[in-house]
Amino acid sequence: MKIHVDLDITPDEMRKLMGLPNVEAFQQQLLDDIRERMRAGAEGYDPLKLFQPYVASSLAGMDMLQKLFSAGLNSGGSTPARTGGDGQD
């Protein structure tokens, strides 16, 4: 059996459907903070040092999400093997 579902919804509606929090204000604050740090240290500013805390936590979150999806996909398609040659379990 194959099921195909098309959803015609906005990203905001998809976020609400999945139960994810609205992080738009947090992202804006994060960008404002990054801009301020860049302005304050324009002379000796090191972009790797600036983004390191944000990238590390983002990668950890993405890794956890990937493992969650992988575990769900691996367990969802498996069926128990039948034991017995007469067709009855």
N, C-alpha and C. Protein backbone atom coordinates (compact mmCIF):
# COMPACT_ATOMS: atom_id res chain seq x y z
N MET A 1 0.85 -1.16 0.00
CA MET A 1 0.00 0.00 0.00
C MET A 1 0.90 1.23 0.00
N LYS A 2 0.54 2.18 -0.82
CA LYS A 2 1.29 3.41 -0.90
C LYS A 2 0.33 4.57 -0.65
N ILE A 3 0.72 5.46 0.25
CA ILE A 3 -0.10 6.63 0.56
C ILE A 3 0.70 7.86 0.23
N HIS A 4 0.07 8.78 -0.48
CA HIS A 4 0.72 10.03 -0.87
C HIS A 4 -0.13 11.18 -0.38
N VAL A 5 0.47 12.10 0.38
CA VAL A 5 -0.25 13.23 0.95
C VAL A 5 0.43 14.52 0.49
N ASP A 6 -0.33 15.42 -0.09
CA ASP A 6 0.16 16.75 -0.46
C ASP A 6 -0.46 17.77 0.48
N LEU A 7 0.38 18.60 1.08
CA LEU A 7 -0.09 19.64 1.97
C LEU A 7 0.20 21.00 1.34
N ASP A 8 -0.82 21.80 1.22
CA ASP A 8 -0.66 23.15 0.68
C ASP A 8 -0.82 24.13 1.84
N ILE A 9 0.25 24.26 2.64
CA ILE A 9 0.20 25.12 3.82
C ILE A 9 1.47 25.97 3.88
N THR A 10 1.39 27.03 4.65
CA THR A 10 2.54 27.92 4.82
C THR A 10 3.51 27.30 5.83
N PRO A 11 4.76 27.78 5.85
CA PRO A 11 5.71 27.28 6.86
C PRO A 11 5.21 27.50 8.29
N ASP A 12 4.54 28.62 8.53
CA ASP A 12 4.01 28.90 9.87
C ASP A 12 2.93 27.88 10.24
N GLU A 13 2.06 27.54 9.30
CA GLU A 13 1.03 26.54 9.55
C GLU A 13 1.65 25.16 9.78
N MET A 14 2.70 24.84 9.05
CA MET A 14 3.39 23.55 9.22
C MET A 14 4.04 23.47 10.59
N ARG A 15 4.64 24.58 11.02
CA ARG A 15 5.25 24.63 12.35
C ARG A 15 4.21 24.37 13.42
N LYS A 16 3.04 25.00 13.30
CA LYS A 16 1.97 24.79 14.27
C LYS A 16 1.44 23.36 14.22
N LEU A 17 1.31 22.81 13.02
CA LEU A 17 0.84 21.44 12.85
C LEU A 17 1.77 20.44 13.52
N MET A 18 3.09 20.69 13.41
CA MET A 18 4.08 19.80 14.01
C MET A 18 4.25 20.06 15.51
N GLY A 19 3.66 21.14 16.03
CA GLY A 19 3.78 21.45 17.44
C GLY A 19 5.10 22.09 17.81
N LEU A 20 5.76 22.71 16.82
CA LEU A 20 7.05 23.34 17.08
C LEU A 20 6.84 24.77 17.57
N PRO A 21 7.73 25.26 18.42
CA PRO A 21 7.57 26.62 18.94
C PRO A 21 7.92 27.67 17.88
N ASN A 22 7.36 28.86 18.04
CA ASN A 22 7.68 29.98 17.16
C ASN A 22 8.96 30.62 17.67
N VAL A 23 10.03 30.50 16.92
CA VAL A 23 11.34 31.00 17.34
C VAL A 23 11.75 32.24 16.56
N GLU A 24 10.80 32.87 15.89
CA GLU A 24 11.13 34.03 15.07
C GLU A 24 11.73 35.16 15.90
N ALA A 25 11.13 35.45 17.07
CA ALA A 25 11.65 36.52 17.93
C ALA A 25 13.06 36.17 18.43
N PHE A 26 13.28 34.90 18.76
CA PHE A 26 14.60 34.46 19.22
C PHE A 26 15.64 34.60 18.11
N GLN A 27 15.26 34.20 16.89
CA GLN A 27 16.18 34.33 15.77
C GLN A 27 16.52 35.79 15.48
N GLN A 28 15.53 36.66 15.58
CA GLN A 28 15.78 38.09 15.36
C GLN A 28 16.72 38.64 16.42
N GLN A 29 16.50 38.25 17.68
CA GLN A 29 17.37 38.69 18.76
C GLN A 29 18.79 38.16 18.54
N LEU A 30 18.91 36.93 18.09
CA LEU A 30 20.20 36.32 17.81
C LEU A 30 20.93 37.09 16.72
N LEU A 31 20.23 37.42 15.64
CA LEU A 31 20.85 38.19 14.55
C LEU A 31 21.25 39.59 15.01
N ASP A 32 20.39 40.22 15.81
CA ASP A 32 20.74 41.55 16.34
C ASP A 32 21.99 41.48 17.21
N ASP A 33 22.08 40.42 18.03
CA ASP A 33 23.25 40.22 18.89
C ASP A 33 24.51 40.03 18.04
N ILE A 34 24.40 39.24 16.99
CA ILE A 34 25.54 39.00 16.11
C ILE A 34 25.97 40.28 15.42
N ARG A 35 25.01 41.05 14.93
CA ARG A 35 25.33 42.34 14.28
C ARG A 35 26.04 43.28 15.25
N GLU A 36 25.55 43.31 16.50
CA GLU A 36 26.17 44.19 17.50
C GLU A 36 27.60 43.76 17.80
N ARG A 37 27.82 42.47 17.92
CA ARG A 37 29.17 41.96 18.17
C ARG A 37 30.09 42.27 16.99
N MET A 38 29.55 42.16 15.79
CA MET A 38 30.37 42.46 14.61
C MET A 38 30.74 43.94 14.57
N ARG A 39 29.80 44.81 14.93
CA ARG A 39 30.09 46.25 14.96
C ARG A 39 31.11 46.58 16.04
N ALA A 40 30.95 45.94 17.21
CA ALA A 40 31.83 46.25 18.34
C ALA A 40 33.26 45.78 18.08
N GLY A 41 33.42 44.68 17.37
CA GLY A 41 34.76 44.16 17.15
C GLY A 41 35.13 44.14 15.69
N ALA A 42 34.75 45.16 14.95
CA ALA A 42 35.00 45.19 13.51
C ALA A 42 36.48 45.09 13.18
N GLU A 43 37.36 45.62 14.04
CA GLU A 43 38.79 45.57 13.78
C GLU A 43 39.32 44.15 13.83
N GLY A 44 39.16 43.48 14.98
CA GLY A 44 39.74 42.15 15.16
C GLY A 44 38.68 41.07 15.19
N TYR A 45 37.64 41.26 14.46
CA TYR A 45 36.50 40.34 14.52
C TYR A 45 36.83 39.02 13.82
N ASP A 46 36.56 37.93 14.54
CA ASP A 46 36.82 36.58 14.02
C ASP A 46 35.47 35.87 13.85
N PRO A 47 35.01 35.69 12.61
CA PRO A 47 33.67 35.11 12.41
C PRO A 47 33.55 33.69 12.96
N LEU A 48 34.61 32.90 12.92
CA LEU A 48 34.52 31.54 13.45
C LEU A 48 34.27 31.54 14.95
N LYS A 49 34.95 32.42 15.66
CA LYS A 49 34.76 32.51 17.10
C LYS A 49 33.36 33.02 17.43
N LEU A 50 32.87 33.93 16.62
CA LEU A 50 31.56 34.54 16.85
C LEU A 50 30.43 33.52 16.69
N PHE A 51 30.52 32.69 15.66
CA PHE A 51 29.43 31.76 15.35
C PHE A 51 29.59 30.38 16.00
N GLN A 52 30.72 30.11 16.60
CA GLN A 52 30.99 28.79 17.16
C GLN A 52 29.92 28.33 18.16
N PRO A 53 29.50 29.14 19.15
CA PRO A 53 28.49 28.65 20.09
C PRO A 53 27.16 28.34 19.40
N TYR A 54 26.80 29.13 18.39
CA TYR A 54 25.52 28.93 17.72
C TYR A 54 25.55 27.70 16.82
N VAL A 55 26.63 27.51 16.12
CA VAL A 55 26.76 26.39 15.19
C VAL A 55 26.82 25.07 15.95
N ALA A 56 27.55 25.03 17.04
CA ALA A 56 27.68 23.79 17.81
C ALA A 56 26.33 23.31 18.31
N SER A 57 25.52 24.21 18.87
CA SER A 57 24.22 23.79 19.38
C SER A 57 23.27 23.44 18.24
N SER A 58 23.36 24.13 17.12
CA SER A 58 22.51 23.82 15.97
C SER A 58 22.83 22.45 15.40
N LEU A 59 24.12 22.13 15.29
CA LEU A 59 24.52 20.83 14.76
C LEU A 59 24.10 19.71 15.69
N ALA A 60 24.18 19.94 17.00
CA ALA A 60 23.76 18.92 17.96
C ALA A 60 22.26 18.67 17.84
N GLY A 61 21.49 19.73 17.68
CA GLY A 61 20.05 19.59 17.51
C GLY A 61 19.69 18.87 16.23
N MET A 62 20.38 19.19 15.15
CA MET A 62 20.11 18.53 13.87
C MET A 62 20.49 17.05 13.93
N ASP A 63 21.58 16.74 14.63
CA ASP A 63 21.99 15.35 14.78
C ASP A 63 20.94 14.56 15.56
N MET A 64 20.40 15.17 16.62
CA MET A 64 19.38 14.51 17.41
C MET A 64 18.11 14.30 16.58
N LEU A 65 17.72 15.28 15.78
CA LEU A 65 16.55 15.16 14.92
C LEU A 65 16.75 14.08 13.88
N GLN A 66 17.94 13.99 13.30
CA GLN A 66 18.25 12.98 12.30
C GLN A 66 18.16 11.58 12.93
N LYS A 67 18.68 11.41 14.14
CA LYS A 67 18.61 10.12 14.82
C LYS A 67 17.16 9.74 15.13
N LEU A 68 16.35 10.74 15.51
CA LEU A 68 14.94 10.48 15.80
C LEU A 68 14.22 10.00 14.55
N PHE A 69 14.41 10.68 13.43
CA PHE A 69 13.77 10.28 12.18
C PHE A 69 14.27 8.91 11.73
N SER A 70 15.56 8.67 11.86
CA SER A 70 16.14 7.39 11.46
C SER A 70 15.56 6.25 12.28
N ALA A 71 15.43 6.45 13.58
CA ALA A 71 14.87 5.41 14.45
C ALA A 71 13.41 5.14 14.09
N GLY A 72 12.67 6.20 13.79
CA GLY A 72 11.27 6.03 13.41
C GLY A 72 11.12 5.31 12.09
N LEU A 73 11.95 5.65 11.13
CA LEU A 73 11.87 5.00 9.83
C LEU A 73 12.30 3.54 9.90
N ASN A 74 13.32 3.27 10.69
CA ASN A 74 13.82 1.90 10.80
C ASN A 74 12.82 0.99 11.51
N SER A 75 12.12 1.48 12.51
CA SER A 75 11.18 0.64 13.24
C SER A 75 9.82 0.60 12.56
N GLY A 76 9.47 1.58 11.78
CA GLY A 76 8.15 1.63 11.16
C GLY A 76 7.93 0.62 10.07
N GLY A 77 8.96 0.22 9.36
CA GLY A 77 8.79 -0.69 8.23
C GLY A 77 9.00 -2.14 8.56
N SER A 78 9.39 -2.45 9.78
CA SER A 78 9.70 -3.84 10.11
C SER A 78 8.44 -4.58 10.55
N THR A 79 8.34 -5.83 10.16
CA THR A 79 7.24 -6.69 10.59
C THR A 79 7.84 -7.93 11.21
N PRO A 80 7.18 -8.51 12.21
CA PRO A 80 7.73 -9.69 12.84
C PRO A 80 7.70 -10.88 11.88
N ALA A 81 8.72 -11.70 11.97
CA ALA A 81 8.82 -12.88 11.10
C ALA A 81 7.83 -13.93 11.59
N ARG A 82 7.25 -14.63 10.65
CA ARG A 82 6.31 -15.71 11.01
C ARG A 82 7.09 -16.94 11.42
N THR A 83 6.55 -17.60 12.43
CA THR A 83 7.18 -18.83 12.90
C THR A 83 6.21 -19.97 12.70
N GLY A 84 6.41 -20.81 11.89
CA GLY A 84 5.49 -21.94 11.69
C GLY A 84 5.20 -22.11 10.21
N GLY A 85 5.15 -23.31 9.77
CA GLY A 85 4.96 -23.56 8.36
C GLY A 85 3.52 -23.75 7.97
N ASP A 86 2.57 -23.76 8.94
CA ASP A 86 1.18 -24.02 8.59
C ASP A 86 0.38 -22.76 8.32
N GLY A 87 1.00 -21.59 8.39
CA GLY A 87 0.30 -20.33 8.12
C GLY A 87 -0.42 -19.78 9.32
N GLN A 88 -0.39 -20.47 10.44
CA GLN A 88 -1.03 -19.99 11.66
C GLN A 88 0.02 -19.59 12.66
N ASP A 89 -0.20 -18.48 13.33
CA ASP A 89 0.77 -18.01 14.33
C ASP A 89 0.26 -18.23 15.72
